[in-house]
Amino acid sequence: MKKKTRADYYKENPESYAKKKKYDSKLEKRTDLAKKRVELNAYNRKKKTYGNGDGLDAIHKGKKIVGYAKAS
């Protein structure tokens, strides 16, 4: 039997999906997280890994960029 994915769950539970979308939109507006995203995207572009399809994203540990991890 195939394991259900998160997408399957949200297809079956539209109320939960609406709640998640509302939470995600709030989260995306946080200025501290937006600043982190901008910084990581700039780092990825500088290292020529932005958009190359390698499946890796730059990551923070504390306040420093420490390397790459598998993209979510």
C-alpha atoms as a PDB file:
ATOM      1  CA  MET A   1       0.000   0.000   0.000  1.00  0.00           C
ATOM      2  CA  LYS A   2       1.303   3.428  -0.968  1.00  0.00           C
ATOM      3  CA  LYS A   3       2.076   5.788   1.893  1.00  0.00           C
ATOM      4  CA  LYS A   4      -0.047   8.948   1.879  1.00  0.00           C
ATOM      5  CA  THR A   5       1.724  12.199   1.223  1.00  0.00           C
ATOM      6  CA  ARG A   6       1.069  15.583   2.743  1.00  0.00           C
ATOM      7  CA  ALA A   7      -0.494  16.641  -0.567  1.00  0.00           C
ATOM      8  CA  ASP A   8      -2.917  13.700  -0.375  1.00  0.00           C
ATOM      9  CA  TYR A   9      -3.926  14.738   3.141  1.00  0.00           C
ATOM     10  CA  TYR A  10      -4.667  18.315   2.073  1.00  0.00           C
ATOM     11  CA  LYS A  11      -6.658  17.130  -0.968  1.00  0.00           C
ATOM     12  CA  GLU A  12      -8.865  15.112   1.374  1.00  0.00           C
ATOM     13  CA  ASN A  13      -9.116  17.883   4.005  1.00  0.00           C
ATOM     14  CA  PRO A  14      -9.758  21.264   2.352  1.00  0.00           C
ATOM     15  CA  GLU A  15     -10.452  22.945   5.712  1.00  0.00           C
ATOM     16  CA  SER A  16      -6.990  21.980   6.921  1.00  0.00           C
ATOM     17  CA  TYR A  17      -5.478  23.210   3.664  1.00  0.00           C
ATOM     18  CA  ALA A  18      -7.191  26.591   4.067  1.00  0.00           C
ATOM     19  CA  LYS A  19      -5.867  26.834   7.635  1.00  0.00           C
ATOM     20  CA  LYS A  20      -2.351  25.935   6.434  1.00  0.00           C
ATOM     21  CA  LYS A  21      -2.464  28.545   3.651  1.00  0.00           C
ATOM     22  CA  LYS A  22      -3.483  31.216   6.157  1.00  0.00           C
ATOM     23  CA  TYR A  23      -0.627  30.242   8.495  1.00  0.00           C
ATOM     24  CA  ASP A  24       1.901  30.084   5.636  1.00  0.00           C
ATOM     25  CA  SER A  25       0.956  33.533   4.365  1.00  0.00           C
ATOM     26  CA  LYS A  26       1.508  34.961   7.865  1.00  0.00           C
ATOM     27  CA  LEU A  27       4.847  33.192   8.103  1.00  0.00           C
ATOM     28  CA  GLU A  28       6.015  34.480   4.709  1.00  0.00           C
ATOM     29  CA  LYS A  29       5.348  38.073   5.797  1.00  0.00           C
ATOM     30  CA  ARG A  30       7.749  37.908   8.750  1.00  0.00           C
ATOM     31  CA  THR A  31      10.568  40.339   8.041  1.00  0.00           C
ATOM     32  CA  ASP A  32      13.199  38.314   9.897  1.00  0.00           C
ATOM     33  CA  LEU A  33      12.481  35.257   7.748  1.00  0.00           C
ATOM     34  CA  ALA A  34      12.297  37.330   4.559  1.00  0.00           C
ATOM     35  CA  LYS A  35      15.740  38.756   5.313  1.00  0.00           C
ATOM     36  CA  LYS A  36      17.099  35.213   5.763  1.00  0.00           C
ATOM     37  CA  ARG A  37      15.589  34.097   2.441  1.00  0.00           C
ATOM     38  CA  VAL A  38      17.119  37.073   0.639  1.00  0.00           C
ATOM     39  CA  GLU A  39      20.511  36.345   2.180  1.00  0.00           C
ATOM     40  CA  LEU A  40      20.383  32.645   1.286  1.00  0.00           C
ATOM     41  CA  ASN A  41      19.245  33.352  -2.283  1.00  0.00           C
ATOM     42  CA  ALA A  42      22.100  35.823  -2.742  1.00  0.00           C
ATOM     43  CA  TYR A  43      24.544  33.221  -1.412  1.00  0.00           C
ATOM     44  CA  ASN A  44      23.151  30.572  -3.774  1.00  0.00           C
ATOM     45  CA  ARG A  45      23.468  32.942  -6.745  1.00  0.00           C
ATOM     46  CA  LYS A  46      27.029  33.853  -5.793  1.00  0.00           C
ATOM     47  CA  LYS A  47      27.992  30.158  -5.572  1.00  0.00           C
ATOM     48  CA  LYS A  48      26.201  29.472  -8.902  1.00  0.00           C
ATOM     49  CA  THR A  49      23.870  26.916  -7.353  1.00  0.00           C
ATOM     50  CA  TYR A  50      20.660  28.967  -7.611  1.00  0.00           C
ATOM     51  CA  GLY A  51      18.308  27.303 -10.098  1.00  0.00           C
ATOM     52  CA  ASN A  52      20.770  24.718 -11.386  1.00  0.00           C
ATOM     53  CA  GLY A  53      18.613  21.768 -10.318  1.00  0.00           C
ATOM     54  CA  ASP A  54      21.150  20.182  -7.951  1.00  0.00           C
ATOM     55  CA  GLY A  55      18.489  19.863  -5.228  1.00  0.00           C
ATOM     56  CA  LEU A  56      20.537  21.733  -2.619  1.00  0.00           C
ATOM     57  CA  ASP A  57      19.824  24.929  -0.685  1.00  0.00           C
ATOM     58  CA  ALA A  58      22.133  27.008   1.485  1.00  0.00           C
ATOM     59  CA  ILE A  59      21.426  26.690   5.217  1.00  0.00           C
ATOM     60  CA  HIS A  60      21.971  28.791   8.343  1.00  0.00           C
ATOM     61  CA  LYS A  61      23.316  27.571  11.637  1.00  0.00           C
ATOM     62  CA  GLY A  62      22.939  30.372  14.111  1.00  0.00           C
ATOM     63  CA  LYS A  63      23.601  33.540  12.151  1.00  0.00           C
ATOM     64  CA  LYS A  64      26.096  32.050   9.689  1.00  0.00           C
ATOM     65  CA  ILE A  65      25.605  30.289   6.379  1.00  0.00           C
ATOM     66  CA  VAL A  66      27.279  26.938   6.913  1.00  0.00           C
ATOM     67  CA  GLY A  67      26.727  25.017   3.710  1.00  0.00           C
ATOM     68  CA  TYR A  68      24.078  23.141   1.817  1.00  0.00           C
ATOM     69  CA  ALA A  69      21.265  20.736   2.618  1.00  0.00           C
ATOM     70  CA  LYS A  70      18.765  18.863   0.497  1.00  0.00           C
ATOM     71  CA  ALA A  71      16.042  21.244  -0.655  1.00  0.00           C
ATOM     72  CA  SER A  72      12.615  20.696   0.840  1.00  0.00           C
END
